[in-house]
């Protein structure tokens, strides 16, 4: 998936699924993005 191009802040999200029948065994999410700011949150 691509997003943000019209705002000049492009990013690409890559998602993959590993399935067996109707069961989802694995989900991977990754991608590329432009770093516009940085925020630190303590949990």
C-alpha atoms as a PDB file:
ATOM      1  CA  UNK A   1       0.000   0.000   0.000  1.00  0.00           C
ATOM      2  CA  UNK A   2       1.202   3.489  -0.769  1.00  0.00           C
ATOM      3  CA  UNK A   3      -0.027   6.633   0.940  1.00  0.00           C
ATOM      4  CA  UNK A   4       0.839  10.271   1.496  1.00  0.00           C
ATOM      5  CA  UNK A   5       2.094  11.053  -2.015  1.00  0.00           C
ATOM      6  CA  UNK A   6      -0.373  13.901  -2.594  1.00  0.00           C
ATOM      7  CA  UNK A   7       0.828  15.460   0.696  1.00  0.00           C
ATOM      8  CA  UNK A   8       4.520  15.078  -0.331  1.00  0.00           C
ATOM      9  CA  UNK A   9       4.987  12.704   2.638  1.00  0.00           C
ATOM     10  CA  UNK A  10       5.210   9.306   0.946  1.00  0.00           C
ATOM     11  CA  UNK A  11       5.211   6.011   2.771  1.00  0.00           C
ATOM     12  CA  UNK A  12       4.875   2.388   1.759  1.00  0.00           C
ATOM     13  CA  UNK A  13       3.263  -0.274   3.940  1.00  0.00           C
ATOM     14  CA  UNK A  14       3.930  -3.932   3.164  1.00  0.00           C
ATOM     15  CA  UNK A  15       1.678  -6.612   4.686  1.00  0.00           C
ATOM     16  CA  UNK A  16       1.973 -10.366   4.237  1.00  0.00           C
ATOM     17  CA  UNK A  17      -0.139 -13.191   5.615  1.00  0.00           C
ATOM     18  CA  UNK A  18       0.700 -16.851   6.036  1.00  0.00           C
ATOM     19  CA  UNK A  19      -2.462 -18.945   6.086  1.00  0.00           C
ATOM     20  CA  UNK A  20      -3.498 -22.548   6.314  1.00  0.00           C
ATOM     21  CA  UNK A  21      -7.070 -23.142   5.246  1.00  0.00           C
ATOM     22  CA  UNK A  22      -9.142 -20.473   6.996  1.00  0.00           C
ATOM     23  CA  UNK A  23      -6.559 -19.934   9.770  1.00  0.00           C
ATOM     24  CA  UNK A  24      -4.081 -17.058   9.812  1.00  0.00           C
ATOM     25  CA  UNK A  25      -0.725 -18.402  11.007  1.00  0.00           C
ATOM     26  CA  UNK A  26       1.469 -15.328  10.619  1.00  0.00           C
ATOM     27  CA  UNK A  27       1.153 -11.604   9.902  1.00  0.00           C
ATOM     28  CA  UNK A  28       4.130  -9.458   8.897  1.00  0.00           C
ATOM     29  CA  UNK A  29       3.910  -5.678   8.609  1.00  0.00           C
ATOM     30  CA  UNK A  30       6.736  -3.412   7.529  1.00  0.00           C
ATOM     31  CA  UNK A  31       7.602  -0.685   5.099  1.00  0.00           C
ATOM     32  CA  UNK A  32       9.268   2.611   4.412  1.00  0.00           C
ATOM     33  CA  UNK A  33       8.316   6.072   5.619  1.00  0.00           C
ATOM     34  CA  UNK A  34       9.649   9.605   5.766  1.00  0.00           C
ATOM     35  CA  UNK A  35      10.574  10.649   9.326  1.00  0.00           C
ATOM     36  CA  UNK A  36       8.910  14.006   9.982  1.00  0.00           C
ATOM     37  CA  UNK A  37       9.159  14.138  13.760  1.00  0.00           C
ATOM     38  CA  UNK A  38      10.098  12.005  16.743  1.00  0.00           C
ATOM     39  CA  UNK A  39       8.095  11.405  19.899  1.00  0.00           C
ATOM     40  CA  UNK A  40       9.023   9.337  22.967  1.00  0.00           C
ATOM     41  CA  UNK A  41       6.274   7.790  25.100  1.00  0.00           C
ATOM     42  CA  UNK A  42       6.836   6.033  28.431  1.00  0.00           C
ATOM     43  CA  UNK A  43       4.562   3.078  29.137  1.00  0.00           C
END
